[in-house]
Amino acid sequence: MFSADYEPVEANRRRTARTPIAINAELDGSRRTLCKGADISTGGARIQTYSALNVGAKIWLTLPLIGRVSTTIKWAGDYNAGCQFDDPLSADLVEALIARGGGS
């Protein structure tokens, strides 16, 4: 499953707006595990995991429609993490994921 959780943020801290999403994905770090996406943007995603993640860790997310995407963990806590895509996604790909995952 793919997922991310909520991080309280300061106003204007995010570089791109995020849209809620519910999609399954796989997380590859030192081992493969399921996670669930909670929101996504062209620049990153918020995920919910079953494994604790460390800030600064480089991980791969395997996303529906896209495949493997390299990311860096920017914040983590309580099995939720915010990751920044090493190479931003196109707006068209994000829209397709949102359509698939029921974003609003």
PDB file of N, CA and C in Angstrom:
ATOM      1  N   MET A   1       0.853  -1.169   0.000  1.00  0.00           N
ATOM      2  CA  MET A   1       0.000   0.000   0.000  1.00  0.00           C
ATOM      3  C   MET A   1       0.900   1.234   0.000  1.00  0.00           C
ATOM      4  N   PHE A   2       0.445   2.322  -0.512  1.00  0.00           N
ATOM      5  CA  PHE A   2       1.189   3.576  -0.527  1.00  0.00           C
ATOM      6  C   PHE A   2       0.454   4.546   0.364  1.00  0.00           C
ATOM      7  N   SER A   3       1.194   5.275   1.179  1.00  0.00           N
ATOM      8  CA  SER A   3       0.497   6.219   2.016  1.00  0.00           C
ATOM      9  C   SER A   3       1.415   7.273   2.563  1.00  0.00           C
ATOM     10  N   ALA A   4       0.813   8.319   3.040  1.00  0.00           N
ATOM     11  CA  ALA A   4       1.539   9.393   3.687  1.00  0.00           C
ATOM     12  C   ALA A   4       0.643   9.999   4.737  1.00  0.00           C
ATOM     13  N   ASP A   5       1.233  10.709   5.685  1.00  0.00           N
ATOM     14  CA  ASP A   5       0.401  11.299   6.719  1.00  0.00           C
ATOM     15  C   ASP A   5       0.622  12.781   6.824  1.00  0.00           C
ATOM     16  N   TYR A   6      -0.106  13.403   7.703  1.00  0.00           N
ATOM     17  CA  TYR A   6      -0.165  14.851   7.837  1.00  0.00           C
ATOM     18  C   TYR A   6       0.977  15.400   8.675  1.00  0.00           C
ATOM     19  N   GLU A   7       1.567  16.461   8.214  1.00  0.00           N
ATOM     20  CA  GLU A   7       2.579  17.193   8.973  1.00  0.00           C
ATOM     21  C   GLU A   7       2.095  18.618   9.114  1.00  0.00           C
ATOM     22  N   PRO A   8       1.948  19.127  10.345  1.00  0.00           N
ATOM     23  CA  PRO A   8       1.610  20.541  10.473  1.00  0.00           C
ATOM     24  C   PRO A   8       2.695  21.371   9.792  1.00  0.00           C
ATOM     25  N   VAL A   9       2.282  22.325   8.988  1.00  0.00           N
ATOM     26  CA  VAL A   9       3.256  23.119   8.251  1.00  0.00           C
ATOM     27  C   VAL A   9       3.003  24.595   8.450  1.00  0.00           C
ATOM     28  N   GLU A  10       4.048  25.362   8.281  1.00  0.00           N
ATOM     29  CA  GLU A  10       3.933  26.801   8.320  1.00  0.00           C
ATOM     30  C   GLU A  10       3.348  27.262   6.996  1.00  0.00           C
ATOM     31  N   ALA A  11       2.686  28.400   6.995  1.00  0.00           N
ATOM     32  CA  ALA A  11       2.113  28.939   5.773  1.00  0.00           C
ATOM     33  C   ALA A  11       3.194  29.084   4.708  1.00  0.00           C
ATOM     34  N   ASN A  12       2.852  28.714   3.489  1.00  0.00           N
ATOM     35  CA  ASN A  12       3.734  28.851   2.331  1.00  0.00           C
ATOM     36  C   ASN A  12       5.004  28.012   2.406  1.00  0.00           C
ATOM     37  N   ARG A  13       5.047  27.007   3.257  1.00  0.00           N
ATOM     38  CA  ARG A  13       6.239  26.172   3.361  1.00  0.00           C
ATOM     39  C   ARG A  13       6.368  25.217   2.171  1.00  0.00           C
ATOM     40  N   ARG A  14       5.249  24.706   1.677  1.00  0.00           N
ATOM     41  CA  ARG A  14       5.292  23.772   0.563  1.00  0.00           C
ATOM     42  C   ARG A  14       5.581  24.498  -0.734  1.00  0.00           C
ATOM     43  N   ARG A  15       6.318  23.816  -1.601  1.00  0.00           N
ATOM     44  CA  ARG A  15       6.626  24.390  -2.909  1.00  0.00           C
ATOM     45  C   ARG A  15       5.481  24.203  -3.885  1.00  0.00           C
ATOM     46  N   THR A  16       4.737  23.086  -3.747  1.00  0.00           N
ATOM     47  CA  THR A  16       3.612  22.803  -4.630  1.00  0.00           C
ATOM     48  C   THR A  16       2.420  22.353  -3.805  1.00  0.00           C
ATOM     49  N   ALA A  17       1.217  22.661  -4.280  1.00  0.00           N
ATOM     50  CA  ALA A  17      -0.009  22.263  -3.585  1.00  0.00           C
ATOM     51  C   ALA A  17      -0.176  20.755  -3.686  1.00  0.00           C
ATOM     52  N   ARG A  18      -0.665  20.159  -2.617  1.00  0.00           N
ATOM     53  CA  ARG A  18      -0.904  18.718  -2.606  1.00  0.00           C
ATOM     54  C   ARG A  18      -2.394  18.444  -2.649  1.00  0.00           C
ATOM     55  N   THR A  19      -2.747  17.322  -3.269  1.00  0.00           N
ATOM     56  CA  THR A  19      -4.126  16.889  -3.401  1.00  0.00           C
ATOM     57  C   THR A  19      -4.296  15.565  -2.677  1.00  0.00           C
ATOM     58  N   PRO A  20      -5.383  15.421  -1.886  1.00  0.00           N
ATOM     59  CA  PRO A  20      -5.622  14.139  -1.212  1.00  0.00           C
ATOM     60  C   PRO A  20      -5.732  13.011  -2.231  1.00  0.00           C
ATOM     61  N   ILE A  21      -5.238  11.847  -1.842  1.00  0.00           N
ATOM     62  CA  ILE A  21      -5.265  10.685  -2.728  1.00  0.00           C
ATOM     63  C   ILE A  21      -5.263   9.429  -1.872  1.00  0.00           C
ATOM     64  N   ALA A  22      -5.812   8.363  -2.405  1.00  0.00           N
ATOM     65  CA  ALA A  22      -5.771   7.065  -1.730  1.00  0.00           C
ATOM     66  C   ALA A  22      -5.323   6.037  -2.752  1.00  0.00           C
ATOM     67  N   ILE A  23      -4.014   5.781  -2.789  1.00  0.00           N
ATOM     68  CA  ILE A  23      -3.473   4.794  -3.716  1.00  0.00           C
ATOM     69  C   ILE A  23      -2.524   3.860  -2.982  1.00  0.00           C
ATOM     70  N   ASN A  24      -2.396   2.661  -3.502  1.00  0.00           N
ATOM     71  CA  ASN A  24      -1.452   1.698  -2.962  1.00  0.00           C
ATOM     72  C   ASN A  24      -0.140   1.805  -3.714  1.00  0.00           C
ATOM     73  N   ALA A  25       0.952   1.585  -3.010  1.00  0.00           N
ATOM     74  CA  ALA A  25       2.280   1.616  -3.624  1.00  0.00           C
ATOM     75  C   ALA A  25       3.191   0.716  -2.806  1.00  0.00           C
ATOM     76  N   GLU A  26       4.400   0.563  -3.272  1.00  0.00           N
ATOM     77  CA  GLU A  26       5.412  -0.189  -2.539  1.00  0.00           C
ATOM     78  C   GLU A  26       6.569   0.728  -2.227  1.00  0.00           C
ATOM     79  N   LEU A  27       7.149   0.529  -1.073  1.00  0.00           N
ATOM     80  CA  LEU A  27       8.259   1.322  -0.582  1.00  0.00           C
ATOM     81  C   LEU A  27       9.499   0.450  -0.573  1.00  0.00           C
ATOM     82  N   ASP A  28      10.546   0.890  -1.249  1.00  0.00           N
ATOM     83  CA  ASP A  28      11.814   0.164  -1.274  1.00  0.00           C
ATOM     84  C   ASP A  28      12.862   1.011  -0.582  1.00  0.00           C
ATOM     85  N   GLY A  29      13.396   0.504   0.479  1.00  0.00           N
ATOM     86  CA  GLY A  29      14.513   1.131   1.169  1.00  0.00           C
ATOM     87  C   GLY A  29      15.519   0.019   1.386  1.00  0.00           C
ATOM     88  N   SER A  30      15.775  -0.303   2.642  1.00  0.00           N
ATOM     89  CA  SER A  30      16.632  -1.449   2.915  1.00  0.00           C
ATOM     90  C   SER A  30      15.848  -2.745   2.694  1.00  0.00           C
ATOM     91  N   ARG A  31      14.527  -2.630   2.651  1.00  0.00           N
ATOM     92  CA  ARG A  31      13.658  -3.777   2.378  1.00  0.00           C
ATOM     93  C   ARG A  31      12.367  -3.260   1.755  1.00  0.00           C
ATOM     94  N   ARG A  32      11.653  -4.106   1.075  1.00  0.00           N
ATOM     95  CA  ARG A  32      10.404  -3.730   0.422  1.00  0.00           C
ATOM     96  C   ARG A  32       9.251  -3.861   1.413  1.00  0.00           C
ATOM     97  N   THR A  33       8.355  -2.864   1.421  1.00  0.00           N
ATOM     98  CA  THR A  33       7.198  -2.886   2.297  1.00  0.00           C
ATOM     99  C   THR A  33       6.048  -2.164   1.613  1.00  0.00           C
ATOM    100  N   LEU A  34       4.845  -2.427   2.077  1.00  0.00           N
ATOM    101  CA  LEU A  34       3.671  -1.755   1.541  1.00  0.00           C
ATOM    102  C   LEU A  34       3.495  -0.401   2.203  1.00  0.00           C
ATOM    103  N   CYS A  35       2.924   0.544   1.467  1.00  0.00           N
ATOM    104  CA  CYS A  35       2.578   1.841   2.027  1.00  0.00           C
ATOM    105  C   CYS A  35       1.362   2.371   1.283  1.00  0.00           C
ATOM    106  N   LYS A  36       0.813   3.474   1.765  1.00  0.00           N
ATOM    107  CA  LYS A  36      -0.383   4.052   1.166  1.00  0.00           C
ATOM    108  C   LYS A  36      -0.191   5.549   1.021  1.00  0.00           C
ATOM    109  N   GLY A  37      -0.538   6.079  -0.136  1.00  0.00           N
ATOM    110  CA  GLY A  37      -0.423   7.512  -0.389  1.00  0.00           C
ATOM    111  C   GLY A  37      -1.615   8.259   0.160  1.00  0.00           C
ATOM    112  N   ALA A  38      -1.354   9.357   0.863  1.00  0.00           N
ATOM    113  CA  ALA A  38      -2.429  10.177   1.428  1.00  0.00           C
ATOM    114  C   ALA A  38      -2.611  11.472   0.651  1.00  0.00           C
ATOM    115  N   ASP A  39      -1.536  12.025   0.148  1.00  0.00           N
ATOM    116  CA  ASP A  39      -1.640  13.175  -0.746  1.00  0.00           C
ATOM    117  C   ASP A  39      -0.426  13.205  -1.659  1.00  0.00           C
ATOM    118  N   ILE A  40      -0.564  13.953  -2.753  1.00  0.00           N
ATOM    119  CA  ILE A  40       0.499  13.962  -3.758  1.00  0.00           C
ATOM    120  C   ILE A  40       0.512  15.293  -4.487  1.00  0.00           C
ATOM    121  N   SER A  41       1.673  15.657  -4.962  1.00  0.00           N
ATOM    122  CA  SER A  41       1.846  16.835  -5.807  1.00  0.00           C
ATOM    123  C   SER A  41       2.927  16.498  -6.826  1.00  0.00           C
ATOM    124  N   THR A  42       3.251  17.435  -7.683  1.00  0.00           N
ATOM    125  CA  THR A  42       4.328  17.189  -8.633  1.00  0.00           C
ATOM    126  C   THR A  42       5.663  17.062  -7.911  1.00  0.00           C
ATOM    127  N   GLY A  43       5.786  17.671  -6.727  1.00  0.00           N
ATOM    128  CA  GLY A  43       7.055  17.686  -6.012  1.00  0.00           C
ATOM    129  C   GLY A  43       7.238  16.642  -4.942  1.00  0.00           C
ATOM    130  N   GLY A  44       6.143  16.012  -4.474  1.00  0.00           N
ATOM    131  CA  GLY A  44       6.297  15.044  -3.403  1.00  0.00           C
ATOM    132  C   GLY A  44       4.993  14.407  -2.997  1.00  0.00           C
ATOM    133  N   ALA A  45       5.056  13.627  -1.919  1.00  0.00           N
ATOM    134  CA  ALA A  45       3.880  12.902  -1.434  1.00  0.00           C
ATOM    135  C   ALA A  45       3.965  12.723   0.067  1.00  0.00           C
ATOM    136  N   ARG A  46       2.823  12.528   0.655  1.00  0.00           N
ATOM    137  CA  ARG A  46       2.718  12.173   2.062  1.00  0.00           C
ATOM    138  C   ARG A  46       2.305  10.712   2.094  1.00  0.00           C
ATOM    139  N   ILE A  47       3.050   9.890   2.821  1.00  0.00           N
ATOM    140  CA  ILE A  47       2.779   8.457   2.840  1.00  0.00           C
ATOM    141  C   ILE A  47       2.561   7.948   4.255  1.00  0.00           C
ATOM    142  N   GLN A  48       1.772   6.887   4.366  1.00  0.00           N
ATOM    143  CA  GLN A  48       1.589   6.156   5.611  1.00  0.00           C
ATOM    144  C   GLN A  48       2.267   4.815   5.406  1.00  0.00           C
ATOM    145  N   THR A  49       3.101   4.447   6.361  1.00  0.00           N
ATOM    146  CA  THR A  49       3.874   3.217   6.235  1.00  0.00           C
ATOM    147  C   THR A  49       3.655   2.318   7.439  1.00  0.00           C
ATOM    148  N   TYR A  50       4.136   1.093   7.314  1.00  0.00           N
ATOM    149  CA  TYR A  50       4.119   0.155   8.427  1.00  0.00           C
ATOM    150  C   TYR A  50       5.512   0.016   9.015  1.00  0.00           C
ATOM    151  N   SER A  51       6.426   0.832   8.517  1.00  0.00           N
ATOM    152  CA  SER A  51       7.811   0.831   8.982  1.00  0.00           C
ATOM    153  C   SER A  51       8.223   2.264   9.272  1.00  0.00           C
ATOM    154  N   ALA A  52       8.980   2.463  10.328  1.00  0.00           N
ATOM    155  CA  ALA A  52       9.484   3.800  10.640  1.00  0.00           C
ATOM    156  C   ALA A  52      10.516   4.213   9.591  1.00  0.00           C
ATOM    157  N   LEU A  53      10.498   5.486   9.206  1.00  0.00           N
ATOM    158  CA  LEU A  53      11.449   6.021   8.227  1.00  0.00           C
ATOM    159  C   LEU A  53      12.262   7.131   8.867  1.00  0.00           C
ATOM    160  N   ASN A  54      13.472   7.320   8.399  1.00  0.00           N
ATOM    161  CA  ASN A  54      14.351   8.355   8.934  1.00  0.00           C
ATOM    162  C   ASN A  54      14.435   9.538   7.981  1.00  0.00           C
ATOM    163  N   VAL A  55      14.397  10.737   8.545  1.00  0.00           N
ATOM    164  CA  VAL A  55      14.564  11.948   7.752  1.00  0.00           C
ATOM    165  C   VAL A  55      15.898  11.884   7.018  1.00  0.00           C
ATOM    166  N   GLY A  56      15.886  12.239   5.749  1.00  0.00           N
ATOM    167  CA  GLY A  56      17.092  12.218   4.931  1.00  0.00           C
ATOM    168  C   GLY A  56      17.305  10.921   4.176  1.00  0.00           C
ATOM    169  N   ALA A  57      16.539   9.877   4.533  1.00  0.00           N
ATOM    170  CA  ALA A  57      16.690   8.589   3.845  1.00  0.00           C
ATOM    171  C   ALA A  57      16.254   8.705   2.389  1.00  0.00           C
ATOM    172  N   LYS A  58      16.979   8.026   1.512  1.00  0.00           N
ATOM    173  CA  LYS A  58      16.609   7.927   0.102  1.00  0.00           C
ATOM    174  C   LYS A  58      15.816   6.635  -0.055  1.00  0.00           C
ATOM    175  N   ILE A  59      14.616   6.729  -0.630  1.00  0.00           N
ATOM    176  CA  ILE A  59      13.792   5.541  -0.842  1.00  0.00           C
ATOM    177  C   ILE A  59      13.222   5.574  -2.255  1.00  0.00           C
ATOM    178  N   TRP A  60      12.742   4.426  -2.680  1.00  0.00           N
ATOM    179  CA  TRP A  60      12.021   4.309  -3.943  1.00  0.00           C
ATOM    180  C   TRP A  60      10.565   4.046  -3.619  1.00  0.00           C
ATOM    181  N   LEU A  61       9.668   4.757  -4.298  1.00  0.00           N
ATOM    182  CA  LEU A  61       8.242   4.453  -4.239  1.00  0.00           C
ATOM    183  C   LEU A  61       7.855   3.864  -5.584  1.00  0.00           C
ATOM    184  N   THR A  62       7.109   2.773  -5.554  1.00  0.00           N
ATOM    185  CA  THR A  62       6.574   2.205  -6.781  1.00  0.00           C
ATOM    186  C   THR A  62       5.111   2.616  -6.844  1.00  0.00           C
ATOM    187  N   LEU A  63       4.814   3.533  -7.750  1.00  0.00           N
ATOM    188  CA  LEU A  63       3.481   4.121  -7.869  1.00  0.00           C
ATOM    189  C   LEU A  63       2.708   3.516  -9.036  1.00  0.00           C
ATOM    190  N   PRO A  64       1.383   3.381  -8.879  1.00  0.00           N
ATOM    191  CA  PRO A  64       0.582   2.930 -10.013  1.00  0.00           C
ATOM    192  C   PRO A  64       0.760   3.895 -11.185  1.00  0.00           C
ATOM    193  N   LEU A  65       0.696   3.379 -12.382  1.00  0.00           N
ATOM    194  CA  LEU A  65       0.785   4.159 -13.625  1.00  0.00           C
ATOM    195  C   LEU A  65       2.175   4.718 -13.913  1.00  0.00           C
ATOM    196  N   ILE A  66       3.040   4.806 -12.903  1.00  0.00           N
ATOM    197  CA  ILE A  66       4.328   5.469 -13.064  1.00  0.00           C
ATOM    198  C   ILE A  66       5.488   4.503 -12.927  1.00  0.00           C
ATOM    199  N   GLY A  67       5.442   3.657 -11.922  1.00  0.00           N
ATOM    200  CA  GLY A  67       6.568   2.775 -11.625  1.00  0.00           C
ATOM    201  C   GLY A  67       7.412   3.354 -10.508  1.00  0.00           C
ATOM    202  N   ARG A  68       8.705   3.021 -10.499  1.00  0.00           N
ATOM    203  CA  ARG A  68       9.605   3.434  -9.414  1.00  0.00           C
ATOM    204  C   ARG A  68       9.987   4.902  -9.522  1.00  0.00           C
ATOM    205  N   VAL A  69       9.900   5.594  -8.379  1.00  0.00           N
ATOM    206  CA  VAL A  69      10.237   7.007  -8.288  1.00  0.00           C
ATOM    207  C   VAL A  69      11.191   7.183  -7.107  1.00  0.00           C
ATOM    208  N   SER A  70      12.320   7.835  -7.329  1.00  0.00           N
ATOM    209  CA  SER A  70      13.297   8.091  -6.272  1.00  0.00           C
ATOM    210  C   SER A  70      12.847   9.289  -5.436  1.00  0.00           C
ATOM    211  N   THR A  71      12.893   9.147  -4.105  1.00  0.00           N
ATOM    212  CA  THR A  71      12.467  10.212  -3.202  1.00  0.00           C
ATOM    213  C   THR A  71      13.427  10.352  -2.020  1.00  0.00           C
ATOM    214  N   THR A  72      13.298  11.478  -1.336  1.00  0.00           N
ATOM    215  CA  THR A  72      14.035  11.739  -0.103  1.00  0.00           C
ATOM    216  C   THR A  72      13.032  12.050   0.994  1.00  0.00           C
ATOM    217  N   ILE A  73      13.160  11.394   2.158  1.00  0.00           N
ATOM    218  CA  ILE A  73      12.261  11.647   3.281  1.00  0.00           C
ATOM    219  C   ILE A  73      12.607  13.003   3.889  1.00  0.00           C
ATOM    220  N   LYS A  74      11.618  13.897   3.970  1.00  0.00           N
ATOM    221  CA  LYS A  74      11.820  15.247   4.501  1.00  0.00           C
ATOM    222  C   LYS A  74      11.328  15.380   5.938  1.00  0.00           C
ATOM    223  N   TRP A  75      10.347  14.575   6.325  1.00  0.00           N
ATOM    224  CA  TRP A  75       9.874  14.538   7.705  1.00  0.00           C
ATOM    225  C   TRP A  75       9.259  13.165   7.940  1.00  0.00           C
ATOM    226  N   ALA A  76       9.255  12.715   9.195  1.00  0.00           N
ATOM    227  CA  ALA A  76       8.706  11.403   9.512  1.00  0.00           C
ATOM    228  C   ALA A  76       8.291  11.360  10.971  1.00  0.00           C
ATOM    229  N   GLY A  77       7.246  10.612  11.248  1.00  0.00           N
ATOM    230  CA  GLY A  77       6.792  10.408  12.611  1.00  0.00           C
ATOM    231  C   GLY A  77       5.540   9.563  12.626  1.00  0.00           C
ATOM    232  N   ASP A  78       5.403   8.714  13.623  1.00  0.00           N
ATOM    233  CA  ASP A  78       4.214   7.882  13.791  1.00  0.00           C
ATOM    234  C   ASP A  78       3.828   7.141  12.516  1.00  0.00           C
ATOM    235  N   TYR A  79       4.805   6.582  11.831  1.00  0.00           N
ATOM    236  CA  TYR A  79       4.601   5.787  10.626  1.00  0.00           C
ATOM    237  C   TYR A  79       3.981   6.590   9.487  1.00  0.00           C
ATOM    238  N   ASN A  80       4.218   7.886   9.494  1.00  0.00           N
ATOM    239  CA  ASN A  80       3.839   8.778   8.425  1.00  0.00           C
ATOM    240  C   ASN A  80       5.077   9.528   7.997  1.00  0.00           C
ATOM    241  N   ALA A  81       5.140   9.863   6.732  1.00  0.00           N
ATOM    242  CA  ALA A  81       6.321  10.572   6.242  1.00  0.00           C
ATOM    243  C   ALA A  81       5.963  11.439   5.048  1.00  0.00           C
ATOM    244  N   GLY A  82       6.718  12.500   4.901  1.00  0.00           N
ATOM    245  CA  GLY A  82       6.617  13.361   3.728  1.00  0.00           C
ATOM    246  C   GLY A  82       7.867  13.153   2.906  1.00  0.00           C
ATOM    247  N   CYS A  83       7.691  12.876   1.633  1.00  0.00           N
ATOM    248  CA  CYS A  83       8.851  12.659   0.779  1.00  0.00           C
ATOM    249  C   CYS A  83       8.834  13.622  -0.397  1.00  0.00           C
ATOM    250  N   GLN A  84      10.014  14.007  -0.800  1.00  0.00           N
ATOM    251  CA  GLN A  84      10.197  14.894  -1.944  1.00  0.00           C
ATOM    252  C   GLN A  84      10.731  14.067  -3.097  1.00  0.00           C
ATOM    253  N   PHE A  85      10.077  14.159  -4.265  1.00  0.00           N
ATOM    254  CA  PHE A  85      10.548  13.435  -5.435  1.00  0.00           C
ATOM    255  C   PHE A  85      11.879  14.023  -5.884  1.00  0.00           C
ATOM    256  N   ASP A  86      12.854  13.178  -6.173  1.00  0.00           N
ATOM    257  CA  ASP A  86      14.147  13.660  -6.651  1.00  0.00           C
ATOM    258  C   ASP A  86      14.002  14.330  -8.016  1.00  0.00           C
ATOM    259  N   ASP A  87      13.093  13.838  -8.826  1.00  0.00           N
ATOM    260  CA  ASP A  87      12.735  14.454 -10.112  1.00  0.00           C
ATOM    261  C   ASP A  87      11.225  14.664 -10.092  1.00  0.00           C
ATOM    262  N   PRO A  88      10.765  15.914 -10.101  1.00  0.00           N
ATOM    263  CA  PRO A  88       9.323  16.171 -10.022  1.00  0.00           C
ATOM    264  C   PRO A  88       8.542  15.416 -11.091  1.00  0.00           C
ATOM    265  N   LEU A  89       7.305  15.040 -10.737  1.00  0.00           N
ATOM    266  CA  LEU A  89       6.409  14.377 -11.676  1.00  0.00           C
ATOM    267  C   LEU A  89       5.747  15.422 -12.569  1.00  0.00           C
ATOM    268  N   SER A  90       5.315  15.003 -13.719  1.00  0.00           N
ATOM    269  CA  SER A  90       4.576  15.926 -14.581  1.00  0.00           C
ATOM    270  C   SER A  90       3.169  16.113 -14.013  1.00  0.00           C
ATOM    271  N   ALA A  91       2.592  17.258 -14.279  1.00  0.00           N
ATOM    272  CA  ALA A  91       1.224  17.542 -13.829  1.00  0.00           C
ATOM    273  C   ALA A  91       0.243  16.522 -14.409  1.00  0.00           C
ATOM    274  N   ASP A  92       0.469  16.069 -15.640  1.00  0.00           N
ATOM    275  CA  ASP A  92      -0.410  15.082 -16.264  1.00  0.00           C
ATOM    276  C   ASP A  92      -0.389  13.755 -15.506  1.00  0.00           C
ATOM    277  N   LEU A  93       0.801  13.307 -15.073  1.00  0.00           N
ATOM    278  CA  LEU A  93       0.900  12.063 -14.309  1.00  0.00           C
ATOM    279  C   LEU A  93       0.211  12.195 -12.959  1.00  0.00           C
ATOM    280  N   VAL A  94       0.385  13.324 -12.299  1.00  0.00           N
ATOM    281  CA  VAL A  94      -0.255  13.543 -11.004  1.00  0.00           C
ATOM    282  C   VAL A  94      -1.774  13.537 -11.174  1.00  0.00           C
ATOM    283  N   GLU A  95      -2.275  14.196 -12.204  1.00  0.00           N
ATOM    284  CA  GLU A  95      -3.712  14.210 -12.464  1.00  0.00           C
ATOM    285  C   GLU A  95      -4.238  12.795 -12.709  1.00  0.00           C
ATOM    286  N   ALA A  96      -3.492  11.972 -13.442  1.00  0.00           N
ATOM    287  CA  ALA A  96      -3.900  10.588 -13.700  1.00  0.00           C
ATOM    288  C   ALA A  96      -3.935   9.790 -12.400  1.00  0.00           C
ATOM    289  N   LEU A  97      -2.944   9.983 -11.516  1.00  0.00           N
ATOM    290  CA  LEU A  97      -2.943   9.291 -10.219  1.00  0.00           C
ATOM    291  C   LEU A  97      -4.116   9.737  -9.365  1.00  0.00           C
ATOM    292  N   ILE A  98      -4.399  11.029  -9.369  1.00  0.00           N
ATOM    293  CA  ILE A  98      -5.517  11.548  -8.584  1.00  0.00           C
ATOM    294  C   ILE A  98      -6.831  10.958  -9.097  1.00  0.00           C
ATOM    295  N   ALA A  99      -7.001  10.911 -10.408  1.00  0.00           N
ATOM    296  CA  ALA A  99      -8.204  10.330 -10.997  1.00  0.00           C
ATOM    297  C   ALA A  99      -8.348   8.863 -10.586  1.00  0.00           C
ATOM    298  N   ARG A 100      -7.237   8.150 -10.551  1.00  0.00           N
ATOM    299  CA  ARG A 100      -7.243   6.730 -10.165  1.00  0.00           C
ATOM    300  C   ARG A 100      -7.486   6.564  -8.675  1.00  0.00           C
ATOM    301  N   GLY A 101      -6.931   7.483  -7.859  1.00  0.00           N
ATOM    302  CA  GLY A 101      -6.975   7.333  -6.411  1.00  0.00           C
ATOM    303  C   GLY A 101      -8.067   8.106  -5.706  1.00  0.00           C
ATOM    304  N   GLY A 102      -8.941   8.743  -6.432  1.00  0.00           N
ATOM    305  CA  GLY A 102     -10.080   9.401  -5.801  1.00  0.00           C
ATOM    306  C   GLY A 102      -9.755  10.696  -5.110  1.00  0.00           C
ATOM    307  N   GLY A 103      -8.728  11.405  -5.544  1.00  0.00           N
ATOM    308  CA  GLY A 103      -8.405  12.711  -4.955  1.00  0.00           C
ATOM    309  C   GLY A 103      -9.551  13.678  -5.150  1.00  0.00           C
ATOM    310  N   SER A 104      -9.609  14.670  -4.267  1.00  0.00           N
ATOM    311  CA  SER A 104     -10.687  15.645  -4.395  1.00  0.00           C
ATOM    312  C   SER A 104     -10.126  17.051  -4.384  1.00  0.00           C
TER     313      SER A 104
END
